Amino acid sequence: MEISRTRLLLSLCMGIVAVSFASVLIRFAQGTGMPSLSIAAWRLILASTILLPYAWATRRDEIRDLSGKDWALLVASGVFLGLHFATWIASLAYTSVASSVVLVSMGPLFVGLGSWVFLRERPGALLVVGIALAATGSVAISWGDLGQGRDQLAGDLLALAGAVFVAGYLMIGYRVRARRSLTTYIALVYGVAMVTLVLIVLIARQPMFGYSLQAYGWVLALALGPQIVGHSTLNWALRYLSATFVSIVTLAEPIGSGLLAYLLLSEAVTWSTAAGGAMVLAGIYIASRAELGSRAAAQAGQSAG
């Protein structure tokens, strides 16, 4: 199926804007007294409550037709997504927000490496430059706050684990989305992620009930915006773009989150944030030229054939 560059880029922009609201909405929910792991669990519970019935009503035959291999990949992707949320959010209790964001943003490096090793997709020189520039910009965004957290090593390792898990989630999504509809994929993967997070919450003995209506309102917004719109848009793009490139685009999230924090939470924007943001955008631009250029060449080859 052919799709225009403009639609791809606009859709990715919409997805990044949606996921950029996540940190602000999480901050609002935390302000009501709801623990971070409970917030993550409710995010997936509410998203799955919406998507699973819809998927069963509209994609029942496709779901019944899933092979054992399909189910294995879907379950693995969902577990990776659930563990990503659990480790990343847990890291915030031990290290600074900036340190956590820097390390969890290393996902594109793991996606690039994993795609090379497991998917036999060797990144071109221009794509490597884009990854390096965007990753460097991500570090620059949070440079002034590195090392300010409690028990930093434990927090840093948790955030780094979050980067590895999100890389697995994106790489599996790239394989499954080539042959399965978006509705089936996201409903089942989010459902597995929900089960994963609920089990983690039970093990950690975090309470799920007894909070204000405002708290549940914030997590509902988190489910509708960053999860259903944001993550689902990125998963949609995996049918047309490489997992490496989609993961690079997610590095724009700290820029959007920083702007929203400035507007809604009155958090200052430092010079390092501005400079790092420019580097991230430059890296994404370079990577997009490489990705869309190779995509156009592939389409031209198919047309010629």
C-alpha atoms as a PDB file:
ATOM      1  CA  MET A   1       0.000   0.000   0.000  1.00  0.00           C
ATOM      2  CA  GLU A   2       1.422   3.373  -1.084  1.00  0.00           C
ATOM      3  CA  ILE A   3       1.213   6.367   1.199  1.00  0.00           C
ATOM      4  CA  SER A   4       2.495   9.909   0.756  1.00  0.00           C
ATOM      5  CA  ARG A   5       5.491  11.346   2.592  1.00  0.00           C
ATOM      6  CA  THR A   6       3.337  14.249   3.749  1.00  0.00           C
ATOM      7  CA  ARG A   7       0.815  11.961   5.414  1.00  0.00           C
ATOM      8  CA  LEU A   8       3.587   9.939   7.053  1.00  0.00           C
ATOM      9  CA  LEU A   9       5.344  12.997   8.457  1.00  0.00           C
ATOM     10  CA  LEU A  10       2.140  14.695   9.611  1.00  0.00           C
ATOM     11  CA  SER A  11       0.991  11.498  11.306  1.00  0.00           C
ATOM     12  CA  LEU A  12       4.326  11.133  13.099  1.00  0.00           C
ATOM     13  CA  CYS A  13       4.123  14.767  14.237  1.00  0.00           C
ATOM     14  CA  MET A  14       0.628  14.124  15.624  1.00  0.00           C
ATOM     15  CA  GLY A  15       1.888  11.037  17.442  1.00  0.00           C
ATOM     16  CA  ILE A  16       4.803  12.888  19.013  1.00  0.00           C
ATOM     17  CA  VAL A  17       2.567  15.754  20.143  1.00  0.00           C
ATOM     18  CA  ALA A  18       0.239  13.219  21.780  1.00  0.00           C
ATOM     19  CA  VAL A  19       2.985  11.303  23.621  1.00  0.00           C
ATOM     20  CA  SER A  20       4.569  14.591  24.705  1.00  0.00           C
ATOM     21  CA  PHE A  21       1.571  15.157  26.979  1.00  0.00           C
ATOM     22  CA  ALA A  22       2.404  11.975  28.932  1.00  0.00           C
ATOM     23  CA  SER A  23       4.908  13.441  31.398  1.00  0.00           C
ATOM     24  CA  VAL A  24       2.655  16.409  32.208  1.00  0.00           C
ATOM     25  CA  LEU A  25      -0.409  14.205  32.703  1.00  0.00           C
ATOM     26  CA  ILE A  26       1.621  11.799  34.855  1.00  0.00           C
ATOM     27  CA  ARG A  27       2.794  14.758  36.951  1.00  0.00           C
ATOM     28  CA  PHE A  28      -0.820  15.895  37.433  1.00  0.00           C
ATOM     29  CA  ALA A  29      -1.916  12.358  38.401  1.00  0.00           C
ATOM     30  CA  GLN A  30       1.007  12.028  40.828  1.00  0.00           C
ATOM     31  CA  GLY A  31      -0.100  15.305  42.379  1.00  0.00           C
ATOM     32  CA  THR A  32      -3.358  13.628  43.423  1.00  0.00           C
ATOM     33  CA  GLY A  33      -1.446  10.960  45.370  1.00  0.00           C
ATOM     34  CA  MET A  34      -1.667   8.088  42.871  1.00  0.00           C
ATOM     35  CA  PRO A  35       1.618   6.068  42.728  1.00  0.00           C
ATOM     36  CA  SER A  36       3.516   5.961  39.446  1.00  0.00           C
ATOM     37  CA  LEU A  37       3.097   2.223  38.848  1.00  0.00           C
ATOM     38  CA  SER A  38      -0.643   2.490  39.480  1.00  0.00           C
ATOM     39  CA  ILE A  39      -0.797   5.345  36.962  1.00  0.00           C
ATOM     40  CA  ALA A  40       0.935   3.170  34.353  1.00  0.00           C
ATOM     41  CA  ALA A  41      -1.415   0.261  35.047  1.00  0.00           C
ATOM     42  CA  TRP A  42      -4.548   2.409  34.820  1.00  0.00           C
ATOM     43  CA  ARG A  43      -3.239   3.926  31.582  1.00  0.00           C
ATOM     44  CA  LEU A  44      -3.238   0.488  29.940  1.00  0.00           C
ATOM     45  CA  ILE A  45      -6.409  -0.736  31.687  1.00  0.00           C
ATOM     46  CA  LEU A  46      -8.457   2.157  30.327  1.00  0.00           C
ATOM     47  CA  ALA A  47      -6.887   1.996  26.860  1.00  0.00           C
ATOM     48  CA  SER A  48      -7.527  -1.760  26.668  1.00  0.00           C
ATOM     49  CA  THR A  49     -11.109  -1.372  27.915  1.00  0.00           C
ATOM     50  CA  ILE A  50     -11.737   0.816  24.875  1.00  0.00           C
ATOM     51  CA  LEU A  51      -9.720  -1.082  22.268  1.00  0.00           C
ATOM     52  CA  LEU A  52     -10.317  -4.772  23.038  1.00  0.00           C
ATOM     53  CA  PRO A  53     -14.130  -4.727  22.538  1.00  0.00           C
ATOM     54  CA  TYR A  54     -13.698  -2.641  19.380  1.00  0.00           C
ATOM     55  CA  ALA A  55     -11.088  -5.061  18.000  1.00  0.00           C
ATOM     56  CA  TRP A  56     -13.305  -8.065  18.740  1.00  0.00           C
ATOM     57  CA  ALA A  57     -16.271  -6.390  17.035  1.00  0.00           C
ATOM     58  CA  THR A  58     -14.365  -5.331  13.913  1.00  0.00           C
ATOM     59  CA  ARG A  59     -11.427  -7.765  13.601  1.00  0.00           C
ATOM     60  CA  ARG A  60     -12.841 -10.974  15.069  1.00  0.00           C
ATOM     61  CA  ASP A  61     -11.937 -13.133  12.073  1.00  0.00           C
ATOM     62  CA  GLU A  62      -8.387 -11.792  11.971  1.00  0.00           C
ATOM     63  CA  ILE A  63      -7.911 -12.455  15.688  1.00  0.00           C
ATOM     64  CA  ARG A  64      -9.204 -16.023  15.297  1.00  0.00           C
ATOM     65  CA  ASP A  65      -6.812 -16.485  12.370  1.00  0.00           C
ATOM     66  CA  LEU A  66      -3.699 -15.598  14.385  1.00  0.00           C
ATOM     67  CA  SER A  67      -1.052 -18.326  14.340  1.00  0.00           C
ATOM     68  CA  GLY A  68       0.930 -19.518  17.321  1.00  0.00           C
ATOM     69  CA  LYS A  69       3.902 -17.495  16.076  1.00  0.00           C
ATOM     70  CA  ASP A  70       1.725 -14.384  15.811  1.00  0.00           C
ATOM     71  CA  TRP A  71       0.520 -14.825  19.381  1.00  0.00           C
ATOM     72  CA  ALA A  72       4.066 -15.338  20.618  1.00  0.00           C
ATOM     73  CA  LEU A  73       5.197 -12.094  18.988  1.00  0.00           C
ATOM     74  CA  LEU A  74       2.161 -10.149  20.227  1.00  0.00           C
ATOM     75  CA  VAL A  75       2.649 -11.376  23.782  1.00  0.00           C
ATOM     76  CA  ALA A  76       6.371 -10.585  23.665  1.00  0.00           C
ATOM     77  CA  SER A  77       5.661  -7.068  22.345  1.00  0.00           C
ATOM     78  CA  GLY A  78       3.074  -6.441  25.072  1.00  0.00           C
ATOM     79  CA  VAL A  79       5.387  -7.690  27.825  1.00  0.00           C
ATOM     80  CA  PHE A  80       8.160  -5.443  26.494  1.00  0.00           C
ATOM     81  CA  LEU A  81       5.787  -2.453  26.492  1.00  0.00           C
ATOM     82  CA  GLY A  82       4.601  -3.155  30.032  1.00  0.00           C
ATOM     83  CA  LEU A  83       8.168  -3.580  31.295  1.00  0.00           C
ATOM     84  CA  HIS A  84       9.182  -0.372  29.523  1.00  0.00           C
ATOM     85  CA  PHE A  85       6.561   1.623  31.412  1.00  0.00           C
ATOM     86  CA  ALA A  86       7.343  -0.130  34.705  1.00  0.00           C
ATOM     87  CA  THR A  87      11.120   0.350  34.579  1.00  0.00           C
ATOM     88  CA  TRP A  88      11.067   3.884  33.210  1.00  0.00           C
ATOM     89  CA  ILE A  89       8.511   5.148  35.740  1.00  0.00           C
ATOM     90  CA  ALA A  90      10.250   3.284  38.590  1.00  0.00           C
ATOM     91  CA  SER A  91      13.571   4.928  37.637  1.00  0.00           C
ATOM     92  CA  LEU A  92      12.104   8.328  38.497  1.00  0.00           C
ATOM     93  CA  ALA A  93      12.039   7.339  42.171  1.00  0.00           C
ATOM     94  CA  TYR A  94      15.816   6.878  42.248  1.00  0.00           C
ATOM     95  CA  THR A  95      17.355   9.320  39.797  1.00  0.00           C
ATOM     96  CA  SER A  96      16.571  12.732  38.365  1.00  0.00           C
ATOM     97  CA  VAL A  97      13.954  13.163  35.680  1.00  0.00           C
ATOM     98  CA  ALA A  98      16.639  14.415  33.313  1.00  0.00           C
ATOM     99  CA  SER A  99      18.954  11.437  33.864  1.00  0.00           C
ATOM    100  CA  SER A 100      16.039   9.056  33.391  1.00  0.00           C
ATOM    101  CA  VAL A 101      14.909  10.734  30.172  1.00  0.00           C
ATOM    102  CA  VAL A 102      18.442  10.734  28.739  1.00  0.00           C
ATOM    103  CA  LEU A 103      18.950   7.009  29.325  1.00  0.00           C
ATOM    104  CA  VAL A 104      15.483   5.871  28.258  1.00  0.00           C
ATOM    105  CA  SER A 105      15.990   7.952  25.098  1.00  0.00           C
ATOM    106  CA  MET A 106      18.839   5.655  24.113  1.00  0.00           C
ATOM    107  CA  GLY A 107      16.186   3.391  22.611  1.00  0.00           C
ATOM    108  CA  PRO A 108      17.141   4.266  18.986  1.00  0.00           C
ATOM    109  CA  LEU A 109      20.664   2.996  19.601  1.00  0.00           C
ATOM    110  CA  PHE A 110      19.305  -0.379  20.745  1.00  0.00           C
ATOM    111  CA  VAL A 111      16.760  -0.445  17.902  1.00  0.00           C
ATOM    112  CA  GLY A 112      19.493   0.260  15.357  1.00  0.00           C
ATOM    113  CA  LEU A 113      21.724  -2.428  16.810  1.00  0.00           C
ATOM    114  CA  GLY A 114      18.874  -4.917  17.208  1.00  0.00           C
ATOM    115  CA  SER A 115      17.576  -4.290  13.681  1.00  0.00           C
ATOM    116  CA  TRP A 116      21.066  -4.938  12.346  1.00  0.00           C
ATOM    117  CA  VAL A 117      21.560  -8.146  14.370  1.00  0.00           C
ATOM    118  CA  PHE A 118      18.052  -9.645  14.354  1.00  0.00           C
ATOM    119  CA  LEU A 119      16.304  -8.105  11.337  1.00  0.00           C
ATOM    120  CA  ARG A 120      19.378  -7.952   9.069  1.00  0.00           C
ATOM    121  CA  GLU A 121      18.753  -4.243   8.411  1.00  0.00           C
ATOM    122  CA  ARG A 122      22.107  -2.502   8.306  1.00  0.00           C
ATOM    123  CA  PRO A 123      21.650   1.267   8.820  1.00  0.00           C
ATOM    124  CA  GLY A 124      23.172   3.579   6.222  1.00  0.00           C
ATOM    125  CA  ALA A 125      25.798   6.194   7.056  1.00  0.00           C
ATOM    126  CA  LEU A 126      23.293   9.068   6.980  1.00  0.00           C
ATOM    127  CA  LEU A 127      20.946   7.240   9.349  1.00  0.00           C
ATOM    128  CA  VAL A 128      23.821   6.594  11.759  1.00  0.00           C
ATOM    129  CA  VAL A 129      24.693  10.307  11.710  1.00  0.00           C
ATOM    130  CA  GLY A 130      21.059  11.157  12.466  1.00  0.00           C
ATOM    131  CA  ILE A 131      20.975   8.707  15.397  1.00  0.00           C
ATOM    132  CA  ALA A 132      24.224  10.071  16.833  1.00  0.00           C
ATOM    133  CA  LEU A 133      23.170  13.714  16.503  1.00  0.00           C
ATOM    134  CA  ALA A 134      19.704  13.132  17.986  1.00  0.00           C
ATOM    135  CA  ALA A 135      21.108  11.066  20.876  1.00  0.00           C
ATOM    136  CA  THR A 136      23.721  13.743  21.613  1.00  0.00           C
ATOM    137  CA  GLY A 137      20.996  16.378  21.631  1.00  0.00           C
ATOM    138  CA  SER A 138      18.973  14.271  24.059  1.00  0.00           C
ATOM    139  CA  VAL A 139      21.950  14.198  26.442  1.00  0.00           C
ATOM    140  CA  ALA A 140      22.436  17.967  26.068  1.00  0.00           C
ATOM    141  CA  ILE A 141      18.804  18.639  26.981  1.00  0.00           C
ATOM    142  CA  SER A 142      19.383  17.236  30.463  1.00  0.00           C
ATOM    143  CA  TRP A 143      23.107  17.866  30.956  1.00  0.00           C
ATOM    144  CA  GLY A 144      22.730  20.282  33.849  1.00  0.00           C
ATOM    145  CA  ASP A 145      20.610  17.866  35.873  1.00  0.00           C
ATOM    146  CA  LEU A 146      22.628  14.672  35.443  1.00  0.00           C
ATOM    147  CA  GLY A 147      23.644  12.959  38.642  1.00  0.00           C
ATOM    148  CA  GLN A 148      21.284  14.808  40.953  1.00  0.00           C
ATOM    149  CA  GLY A 149      19.026  11.888  41.906  1.00  0.00           C
ATOM    150  CA  ARG A 150      18.943   9.472  44.845  1.00  0.00           C
ATOM    151  CA  ASP A 151      20.519   6.048  44.404  1.00  0.00           C
ATOM    152  CA  GLN A 152      21.417   7.149  40.895  1.00  0.00           C
ATOM    153  CA  LEU A 153      22.993   3.902  39.722  1.00  0.00           C
ATOM    154  CA  ALA A 154      19.836   1.883  40.398  1.00  0.00           C
ATOM    155  CA  GLY A 155      17.689   4.524  38.719  1.00  0.00           C
ATOM    156  CA  ASP A 156      20.016   4.780  35.732  1.00  0.00           C
ATOM    157  CA  LEU A 157      19.976   1.005  35.251  1.00  0.00           C
ATOM    158  CA  LEU A 158      16.174   0.970  35.394  1.00  0.00           C
ATOM    159  CA  ALA A 159      15.952   3.758  32.803  1.00  0.00           C
ATOM    160  CA  LEU A 160      18.451   1.977  30.576  1.00  0.00           C
ATOM    161  CA  ALA A 161      16.371  -1.199  30.895  1.00  0.00           C
ATOM    162  CA  GLY A 162      13.378   0.881  29.795  1.00  0.00           C
ATOM    163  CA  ALA A 163      15.288   1.833  26.634  1.00  0.00           C
ATOM    164  CA  VAL A 164      16.043  -1.826  25.883  1.00  0.00           C
ATOM    165  CA  PHE A 165      12.409  -2.837  26.426  1.00  0.00           C
ATOM    166  CA  VAL A 166      11.020  -0.097  24.173  1.00  0.00           C
ATOM    167  CA  ALA A 167      13.494  -1.167  21.486  1.00  0.00           C
ATOM    168  CA  GLY A 168      12.151  -4.726  21.649  1.00  0.00           C
ATOM    169  CA  TYR A 169       8.581  -3.420  21.522  1.00  0.00           C
ATOM    170  CA  LEU A 170       9.272  -1.381  18.371  1.00  0.00           C
ATOM    171  CA  MET A 171      11.249  -4.095  16.568  1.00  0.00           C
ATOM    172  CA  ILE A 172       8.555  -6.721  17.161  1.00  0.00           C
ATOM    173  CA  GLY A 173       5.913  -4.224  16.088  1.00  0.00           C
ATOM    174  CA  TYR A 174       7.784  -3.655  12.838  1.00  0.00           C
ATOM    175  CA  ARG A 175       7.644  -7.393  12.057  1.00  0.00           C
ATOM    176  CA  VAL A 176       4.010  -7.973  13.047  1.00  0.00           C
ATOM    177  CA  ARG A 177       2.583  -4.780  11.526  1.00  0.00           C
ATOM    178  CA  ALA A 178       3.727  -5.884   8.066  1.00  0.00           C
ATOM    179  CA  ARG A 179       0.964  -8.498   7.986  1.00  0.00           C
ATOM    180  CA  ARG A 180      -1.580  -7.575  10.662  1.00  0.00           C
ATOM    181  CA  SER A 181      -3.988  -4.640  11.011  1.00  0.00           C
ATOM    182  CA  LEU A 182      -3.285  -1.797  13.399  1.00  0.00           C
ATOM    183  CA  THR A 183      -6.472  -2.462  15.393  1.00  0.00           C
ATOM    184  CA  THR A 184      -5.626  -6.098  16.060  1.00  0.00           C
ATOM    185  CA  TYR A 185      -2.023  -5.335  16.915  1.00  0.00           C
ATOM    186  CA  ILE A 186      -2.533  -2.466  19.354  1.00  0.00           C
ATOM    187  CA  ALA A 187      -5.570  -4.001  21.094  1.00  0.00           C
ATOM    188  CA  LEU A 188      -3.794  -7.263  21.864  1.00  0.00           C
ATOM    189  CA  VAL A 189      -0.396  -5.719  22.655  1.00  0.00           C
ATOM    190  CA  TYR A 190      -1.897  -3.098  24.960  1.00  0.00           C
ATOM    191  CA  GLY A 191      -3.953  -5.845  26.585  1.00  0.00           C
ATOM    192  CA  VAL A 192      -0.856  -7.925  27.315  1.00  0.00           C
ATOM    193  CA  ALA A 193       0.936  -4.801  28.583  1.00  0.00           C
ATOM    194  CA  MET A 194      -2.030  -4.166  30.879  1.00  0.00           C
ATOM    195  CA  VAL A 195      -1.796  -7.674  32.376  1.00  0.00           C
ATOM    196  CA  THR A 196       1.972  -7.261  32.787  1.00  0.00           C
ATOM    197  CA  LEU A 197       1.603  -3.965  34.635  1.00  0.00           C
ATOM    198  CA  VAL A 198      -1.248  -5.196  36.855  1.00  0.00           C
ATOM    199  CA  LEU A 199       0.925  -8.140  37.929  1.00  0.00           C
ATOM    200  CA  ILE A 200       3.815  -5.762  38.671  1.00  0.00           C
ATOM    201  CA  VAL A 201       1.507  -3.492  40.683  1.00  0.00           C
ATOM    202  CA  LEU A 202       0.237  -6.484  42.700  1.00  0.00           C
ATOM    203  CA  ILE A 203       3.782  -7.693  43.363  1.00  0.00           C
ATOM    204  CA  ALA A 204       4.809  -4.174  44.425  1.00  0.00           C
ATOM    205  CA  ARG A 205       1.632  -3.923  46.544  1.00  0.00           C
ATOM    206  CA  GLN A 206       0.657  -0.576  45.073  1.00  0.00           C
ATOM    207  CA  PRO A 207      -3.003   0.409  45.679  1.00  0.00           C
ATOM    208  CA  MET A 208      -5.198   0.784  42.593  1.00  0.00           C
ATOM    209  CA  PHE A 209      -8.336   2.204  44.184  1.00  0.00           C
ATOM    210  CA  GLY A 210      -9.422   4.912  46.605  1.00  0.00           C
ATOM    211  CA  TYR A 211      -8.271   7.971  44.669  1.00  0.00           C
ATOM    212  CA  SER A 212     -10.187  11.084  43.662  1.00  0.00           C
ATOM    213  CA  LEU A 213     -12.220  11.430  40.466  1.00  0.00           C
ATOM    214  CA  GLN A 214      -9.629  13.957  39.344  1.00  0.00           C
ATOM    215  CA  ALA A 215      -6.893  11.302  39.578  1.00  0.00           C
ATOM    216  CA  TYR A 216      -8.864   8.902  37.390  1.00  0.00           C
ATOM    217  CA  GLY A 217      -9.616  11.770  35.013  1.00  0.00           C
ATOM    218  CA  TRP A 218      -5.886  12.373  34.495  1.00  0.00           C
ATOM    219  CA  VAL A 219      -5.174   8.698  33.794  1.00  0.00           C
ATOM    220  CA  LEU A 220      -8.137   8.573  31.391  1.00  0.00           C
ATOM    221  CA  ALA A 221      -6.602  11.512  29.522  1.00  0.00           C
ATOM    222  CA  LEU A 222      -3.301   9.612  29.571  1.00  0.00           C
ATOM    223  CA  ALA A 223      -4.992   6.561  28.039  1.00  0.00           C
ATOM    224  CA  LEU A 224      -6.828   8.542  25.344  1.00  0.00           C
ATOM    225  CA  GLY A 225      -4.025  10.889  24.301  1.00  0.00           C
ATOM    226  CA  PRO A 226      -0.490   9.518  24.744  1.00  0.00           C
ATOM    227  CA  GLN A 227      -1.552   5.855  24.558  1.00  0.00           C
ATOM    228  CA  ILE A 228      -4.395   5.468  22.064  1.00  0.00           C
ATOM    229  CA  VAL A 229      -3.462   8.413  19.828  1.00  0.00           C
ATOM    230  CA  GLY A 230       0.287   8.667  20.435  1.00  0.00           C
ATOM    231  CA  HIS A 231       1.551   5.089  20.663  1.00  0.00           C
ATOM    232  CA  SER A 232      -1.007   3.868  18.146  1.00  0.00           C
ATOM    233  CA  THR A 233       0.151   6.424  15.563  1.00  0.00           C
ATOM    234  CA  LEU A 234       3.752   5.283  16.004  1.00  0.00           C
ATOM    235  CA  ASN A 235       2.635   1.662  15.594  1.00  0.00           C
ATOM    236  CA  TRP A 236       0.716   2.637  12.455  1.00  0.00           C
ATOM    237  CA  ALA A 237       3.913   4.155  11.021  1.00  0.00           C
ATOM    238  CA  LEU A 238       5.811   0.886  11.586  1.00  0.00           C
ATOM    239  CA  ARG A 239       4.021  -0.544   8.562  1.00  0.00           C
ATOM    240  CA  TYR A 240       5.706   1.995   6.299  1.00  0.00           C
ATOM    241  CA  LEU A 241       8.917   3.021   8.077  1.00  0.00           C
ATOM    242  CA  SER A 242      11.749   1.174   9.808  1.00  0.00           C
ATOM    243  CA  ALA A 243      11.714   0.642  13.563  1.00  0.00           C
ATOM    244  CA  THR A 244      15.033   2.524  13.741  1.00  0.00           C
ATOM    245  CA  PHE A 245      13.588   5.656  12.161  1.00  0.00           C
ATOM    246  CA  VAL A 246      10.368   5.598  14.199  1.00  0.00           C
ATOM    247  CA  SER A 247      12.455   5.293  17.380  1.00  0.00           C
ATOM    248  CA  ILE A 248      14.575   8.295  16.299  1.00  0.00           C
ATOM    249  CA  VAL A 249      11.435  10.372  15.829  1.00  0.00           C
ATOM    250  CA  THR A 250      10.435   9.618  19.439  1.00  0.00           C
ATOM    251  CA  LEU A 251      13.495  11.616  20.541  1.00  0.00           C
ATOM    252  CA  ALA A 252      11.422  14.704  19.786  1.00  0.00           C
ATOM    253  CA  GLU A 253       9.208  13.831  22.763  1.00  0.00           C
ATOM    254  CA  PRO A 254      11.451  15.565  25.366  1.00  0.00           C
ATOM    255  CA  ILE A 255      11.190  18.756  23.294  1.00  0.00           C
ATOM    256  CA  GLY A 256       7.406  18.639  23.300  1.00  0.00           C
ATOM    257  CA  SER A 257       7.335  17.662  26.963  1.00  0.00           C
ATOM    258  CA  GLY A 258       9.668  20.524  27.844  1.00  0.00           C
ATOM    259  CA  LEU A 259       7.507  23.063  26.030  1.00  0.00           C
ATOM    260  CA  LEU A 260       4.361  21.741  27.683  1.00  0.00           C
ATOM    261  CA  ALA A 261       6.048  21.785  31.096  1.00  0.00           C
ATOM    262  CA  TYR A 262       7.030  25.405  30.461  1.00  0.00           C
ATOM    263  CA  LEU A 263       3.488  26.369  29.449  1.00  0.00           C
ATOM    264  CA  LEU A 264       1.523  24.277  31.962  1.00  0.00           C
ATOM    265  CA  LEU A 265       3.901  23.778  34.889  1.00  0.00           C
ATOM    266  CA  SER A 266       6.022  26.945  34.592  1.00  0.00           C
ATOM    267  CA  GLU A 267       9.238  24.904  34.375  1.00  0.00           C
ATOM    268  CA  ALA A 268      12.168  26.889  32.988  1.00  0.00           C
ATOM    269  CA  VAL A 269      13.720  26.145  29.583  1.00  0.00           C
ATOM    270  CA  THR A 270      17.524  26.243  29.922  1.00  0.00           C
ATOM    271  CA  TRP A 271      20.078  26.982  27.219  1.00  0.00           C
ATOM    272  CA  SER A 272      21.077  23.309  27.204  1.00  0.00           C
ATOM    273  CA  THR A 273      17.452  22.347  26.580  1.00  0.00           C
ATOM    274  CA  ALA A 274      17.199  24.736  23.650  1.00  0.00           C
ATOM    275  CA  ALA A 275      20.544  23.674  22.145  1.00  0.00           C
ATOM    276  CA  GLY A 276      19.808  19.985  22.674  1.00  0.00           C
ATOM    277  CA  GLY A 277      16.378  20.367  21.129  1.00  0.00           C
ATOM    278  CA  ALA A 278      17.904  21.907  18.007  1.00  0.00           C
ATOM    279  CA  MET A 279      20.332  18.970  17.757  1.00  0.00           C
ATOM    280  CA  VAL A 280      17.521  16.427  18.152  1.00  0.00           C
ATOM    281  CA  LEU A 281      15.480  18.099  15.418  1.00  0.00           C
ATOM    282  CA  ALA A 282      18.538  18.241  13.146  1.00  0.00           C
ATOM    283  CA  GLY A 283      19.213  14.544  13.777  1.00  0.00           C
ATOM    284  CA  ILE A 284      15.600  13.655  12.992  1.00  0.00           C
ATOM    285  CA  TYR A 285      15.773  15.709   9.791  1.00  0.00           C
ATOM    286  CA  ILE A 286      18.935  13.933   8.643  1.00  0.00           C
ATOM    287  CA  ALA A 287      17.503  10.529   9.544  1.00  0.00           C
ATOM    288  CA  SER A 288      14.251  11.325   7.746  1.00  0.00           C
ATOM    289  CA  ARG A 289      16.139  12.240   4.585  1.00  0.00           C
ATOM    290  CA  ALA A 290      17.898   8.865   4.719  1.00  0.00           C
ATOM    291  CA  GLU A 291      14.743   6.893   5.568  1.00  0.00           C
ATOM    292  CA  LEU A 292      12.401   8.540   3.084  1.00  0.00           C
ATOM    293  CA  GLY A 293      15.080   8.525   0.408  1.00  0.00           C
ATOM    294  CA  SER A 294      15.596   4.764   0.744  1.00  0.00           C
ATOM    295  CA  ARG A 295      11.818   4.262   0.804  1.00  0.00           C
ATOM    296  CA  ALA A 296      11.422   6.250  -2.440  1.00  0.00           C
ATOM    297  CA  ALA A 297      14.221   4.245  -4.071  1.00  0.00           C
ATOM    298  CA  ALA A 298      12.560   0.985  -3.038  1.00  0.00           C
ATOM    299  CA  GLN A 299       9.217   2.111  -4.470  1.00  0.00           C
ATOM    300  CA  ALA A 300      10.901   3.179  -7.712  1.00  0.00           C
ATOM    301  CA  GLY A 301      12.545  -0.249  -7.953  1.00  0.00           C
ATOM    302  CA  GLN A 302       9.190  -1.983  -7.452  1.00  0.00           C
ATOM    303  CA  SER A 303       7.585   0.207 -10.113  1.00  0.00           C
ATOM    304  CA  ALA A 304      10.391  -0.529 -12.550  1.00  0.00           C
ATOM    305  CA  GLY A 305      10.079  -4.262 -11.848  1.00  0.00           C
END
